[in-house]
Amino acid sequence: MAKARETQKAVKPNVFMRIGLFIKQIIDELRKVVSPTSKGLFAWSFAVFVFVLFLMLIVTGMDLGLGKLMLWIFG
């Protein structure tokens, strides 16, 4: 029974081979990265800017509204 487990147990490569494999996988993934075009970069930057402004308006509105509500309740 013990021999069966030993033969089924996967042998881990040494630490240097694992580090080498990790670096190889990093390089393979970096080769898949696509840089955005200037037009796409501008479009996404503008979208993020508009979204942040929208959230700022929501938070400001909630802050003012809740502030007025607290003044009305406890005022």
N, C-alpha and C. Protein backbone atom coordinates (compact mmCIF):
# COMPACT_ATOMS: atom_id res chain seq x y z
N MET A 1 0.82 -1.19 0.00
CA MET A 1 0.00 0.00 0.00
C MET A 1 0.86 1.26 0.00
N ALA A 2 1.94 1.25 0.79
CA ALA A 2 2.82 2.42 0.86
C ALA A 2 3.56 2.62 -0.46
N LYS A 3 3.92 1.53 -1.13
CA LYS A 3 4.62 1.66 -2.41
C LYS A 3 3.69 2.25 -3.47
N ALA A 4 2.43 1.89 -3.41
CA ALA A 4 1.47 2.42 -4.38
C ALA A 4 1.35 3.94 -4.24
N ARG A 5 1.35 4.43 -3.00
CA ARG A 5 1.27 5.87 -2.77
C ARG A 5 2.52 6.57 -3.28
N GLU A 6 3.67 5.96 -3.07
CA GLU A 6 4.91 6.59 -3.48
C GLU A 6 5.01 6.70 -5.00
N THR A 7 4.50 5.70 -5.70
CA THR A 7 4.58 5.75 -7.16
C THR A 7 3.57 6.75 -7.72
N GLN A 8 2.45 6.97 -7.03
CA GLN A 8 1.44 7.91 -7.50
C GLN A 8 1.79 9.35 -7.12
N LYS A 9 2.63 9.52 -6.12
CA LYS A 9 2.98 10.85 -5.66
C LYS A 9 3.83 11.55 -6.73
N ALA A 10 3.43 12.77 -7.11
CA ALA A 10 4.17 13.51 -8.12
C ALA A 10 5.46 14.04 -7.53
N VAL A 11 6.49 13.96 -8.32
CA VAL A 11 7.79 14.46 -7.88
C VAL A 11 7.87 15.94 -8.23
N LYS A 12 8.11 16.79 -7.21
CA LYS A 12 8.22 18.22 -7.44
C LYS A 12 9.61 18.55 -7.94
N PRO A 13 9.69 19.41 -8.94
CA PRO A 13 11.03 19.84 -9.38
C PRO A 13 11.70 20.68 -8.30
N ASN A 14 13.02 20.80 -8.39
CA ASN A 14 13.72 21.56 -7.37
C ASN A 14 13.37 23.04 -7.46
N VAL A 15 13.81 23.81 -6.48
CA VAL A 15 13.41 25.21 -6.37
C VAL A 15 13.88 26.03 -7.57
N PHE A 16 15.05 25.75 -8.10
CA PHE A 16 15.56 26.52 -9.24
C PHE A 16 14.76 26.26 -10.51
N MET A 17 14.32 25.02 -10.68
CA MET A 17 13.49 24.70 -11.84
C MET A 17 12.12 25.37 -11.72
N ARG A 18 11.59 25.42 -10.50
CA ARG A 18 10.29 26.09 -10.31
C ARG A 18 10.41 27.58 -10.57
N ILE A 19 11.52 28.20 -10.11
CA ILE A 19 11.72 29.62 -10.36
C ILE A 19 11.87 29.87 -11.86
N GLY A 20 12.62 29.02 -12.54
CA GLY A 20 12.78 29.14 -13.99
C GLY A 20 11.46 29.01 -14.71
N LEU A 21 10.64 28.07 -14.30
CA LEU A 21 9.32 27.88 -14.91
C LEU A 21 8.44 29.11 -14.67
N PHE A 22 8.51 29.65 -13.46
CA PHE A 22 7.73 30.84 -13.12
C PHE A 22 8.12 32.01 -14.02
N ILE A 23 9.42 32.23 -14.20
CA ILE A 23 9.89 33.33 -15.04
C ILE A 23 9.49 33.10 -16.49
N LYS A 24 9.57 31.86 -16.96
CA LYS A 24 9.16 31.54 -18.33
C LYS A 24 7.68 31.83 -18.52
N GLN A 25 6.86 31.49 -17.53
CA GLN A 25 5.42 31.75 -17.64
C GLN A 25 5.13 33.24 -17.61
N ILE A 26 5.90 34.00 -16.84
CA ILE A 26 5.72 35.46 -16.82
C ILE A 26 6.01 36.04 -18.20
N ILE A 27 7.12 35.61 -18.81
CA ILE A 27 7.48 36.11 -20.13
C ILE A 27 6.42 35.73 -21.16
N ASP A 28 5.90 34.50 -21.08
CA ASP A 28 4.85 34.07 -22.00
C ASP A 28 3.61 34.93 -21.86
N GLU A 29 3.23 35.28 -20.63
CA GLU A 29 2.05 36.11 -20.40
C GLU A 29 2.29 37.54 -20.88
N LEU A 30 3.51 38.06 -20.67
CA LEU A 30 3.80 39.42 -21.11
C LEU A 30 3.78 39.54 -22.63
N ARG A 31 4.08 38.46 -23.33
CA ARG A 31 4.00 38.49 -24.80
C ARG A 31 2.56 38.61 -25.29
N LYS A 32 1.60 38.23 -24.46
CA LYS A 32 0.19 38.31 -24.84
C LYS A 32 -0.40 39.70 -24.63
N VAL A 33 0.31 40.56 -23.91
CA VAL A 33 -0.21 41.89 -23.59
C VAL A 33 -0.26 42.74 -24.85
N VAL A 34 -1.39 43.43 -25.03
CA VAL A 34 -1.56 44.31 -26.18
C VAL A 34 -1.63 45.74 -25.67
N SER A 35 -0.77 46.60 -26.17
CA SER A 35 -0.78 48.01 -25.78
C SER A 35 -1.95 48.70 -26.47
N PRO A 36 -2.67 49.56 -25.76
CA PRO A 36 -3.79 50.25 -26.40
C PRO A 36 -3.30 51.32 -27.38
N THR A 37 -4.12 51.60 -28.36
CA THR A 37 -3.81 52.69 -29.28
C THR A 37 -4.06 54.01 -28.56
N SER A 38 -3.59 55.08 -29.11
CA SER A 38 -3.79 56.38 -28.46
C SER A 38 -5.29 56.73 -28.43
N LYS A 39 -6.01 56.34 -29.47
CA LYS A 39 -7.46 56.60 -29.51
C LYS A 39 -8.17 55.80 -28.41
N GLY A 40 -7.81 54.54 -28.27
CA GLY A 40 -8.42 53.70 -27.23
C GLY A 40 -8.05 54.17 -25.84
N LEU A 41 -6.79 54.58 -25.67
CA LEU A 41 -6.34 55.08 -24.38
C LEU A 41 -7.11 56.33 -23.99
N PHE A 42 -7.31 57.24 -24.94
CA PHE A 42 -8.08 58.45 -24.67
C PHE A 42 -9.52 58.10 -24.32
N ALA A 43 -10.12 57.18 -25.05
CA ALA A 43 -11.52 56.82 -24.81
C ALA A 43 -11.70 56.23 -23.40
N TRP A 44 -10.80 55.31 -23.02
CA TRP A 44 -10.92 54.71 -21.69
C TRP A 44 -10.62 55.72 -20.59
N SER A 45 -9.67 56.61 -20.81
CA SER A 45 -9.37 57.64 -19.81
C SER A 45 -10.56 58.57 -19.64
N PHE A 46 -11.18 58.94 -20.74
CA PHE A 46 -12.37 59.79 -20.67
C PHE A 46 -13.51 59.08 -19.95
N ALA A 47 -13.69 57.80 -20.21
CA ALA A 47 -14.75 57.04 -19.55
C ALA A 47 -14.51 56.98 -18.04
N VAL A 48 -13.28 56.78 -17.63
CA VAL A 48 -12.96 56.74 -16.20
C VAL A 48 -13.21 58.10 -15.58
N PHE A 49 -12.81 59.17 -16.26
CA PHE A 49 -13.02 60.53 -15.76
C PHE A 49 -14.51 60.81 -15.56
N VAL A 50 -15.33 60.46 -16.54
CA VAL A 50 -16.78 60.68 -16.44
C VAL A 50 -17.36 59.86 -15.30
N PHE A 51 -16.92 58.62 -15.14
CA PHE A 51 -17.43 57.76 -14.08
C PHE A 51 -17.08 58.33 -12.70
N VAL A 52 -15.85 58.83 -12.55
CA VAL A 52 -15.43 59.42 -11.27
C VAL A 52 -16.26 60.67 -10.98
N LEU A 53 -16.49 61.50 -11.99
CA LEU A 53 -17.33 62.69 -11.79
C LEU A 53 -18.75 62.29 -11.37
N PHE A 54 -19.27 61.26 -12.01
CA PHE A 54 -20.61 60.78 -11.67
C PHE A 54 -20.68 60.32 -10.21
N LEU A 55 -19.69 59.55 -9.77
CA LEU A 55 -19.66 59.11 -8.38
C LEU A 55 -19.49 60.27 -7.42
N MET A 56 -18.69 61.27 -7.81
CA MET A 56 -18.52 62.45 -6.96
C MET A 56 -19.85 63.18 -6.79
N LEU A 57 -20.62 63.29 -7.87
CA LEU A 57 -21.93 63.94 -7.78
C LEU A 57 -22.87 63.15 -6.88
N ILE A 58 -22.86 61.84 -6.99
CA ILE A 58 -23.73 61.02 -6.14
C ILE A 58 -23.35 61.18 -4.67
N VAL A 59 -22.06 61.10 -4.36
CA VAL A 59 -21.62 61.21 -2.97
C VAL A 59 -21.90 62.61 -2.42
N THR A 60 -21.66 63.64 -3.24
CA THR A 60 -21.95 65.01 -2.81
C THR A 60 -23.43 65.20 -2.55
N GLY A 61 -24.26 64.68 -3.44
CA GLY A 61 -25.71 64.77 -3.25
C GLY A 61 -26.16 64.05 -1.99
N MET A 62 -25.61 62.86 -1.75
CA MET A 62 -25.98 62.13 -0.53
C MET A 62 -25.52 62.88 0.71
N ASP A 63 -24.31 63.45 0.67
CA ASP A 63 -23.79 64.18 1.81
C ASP A 63 -24.65 65.40 2.11
N LEU A 64 -24.97 66.17 1.09
CA LEU A 64 -25.82 67.35 1.31
C LEU A 64 -27.22 66.94 1.77
N GLY A 65 -27.78 65.93 1.12
CA GLY A 65 -29.13 65.49 1.49
C GLY A 65 -29.19 64.96 2.91
N LEU A 66 -28.25 64.12 3.30
CA LEU A 66 -28.26 63.59 4.66
C LEU A 66 -27.95 64.67 5.68
N GLY A 67 -27.09 65.63 5.30
CA GLY A 67 -26.81 66.76 6.19
C GLY A 67 -28.06 67.57 6.45
N LYS A 68 -28.82 67.87 5.41
CA LYS A 68 -30.08 68.61 5.56
C LYS A 68 -31.09 67.80 6.38
N LEU A 69 -31.13 66.49 6.15
CA LEU A 69 -32.03 65.63 6.91
C LEU A 69 -31.68 65.65 8.40
N MET A 70 -30.41 65.59 8.72
CA MET A 70 -29.98 65.63 10.13
C MET A 70 -30.29 66.98 10.75
N LEU A 71 -30.13 68.07 9.99
CA LEU A 71 -30.49 69.39 10.53
C LEU A 71 -32.00 69.48 10.77
N TRP A 72 -32.78 68.88 9.85
CA TRP A 72 -34.23 68.93 9.99
C TRP A 72 -34.67 68.09 11.20
N ILE A 73 -34.06 66.91 11.39
CA ILE A 73 -34.44 66.02 12.50
C ILE A 73 -33.95 66.58 13.84
N PHE A 74 -32.68 66.95 13.92
CA PHE A 74 -32.09 67.34 15.20
C PHE A 74 -31.92 68.84 15.35
N GLY A 75 -32.25 69.60 14.31
CA GLY A 75 -31.97 70.99 14.17
C GLY A 75 -32.35 71.97 15.12
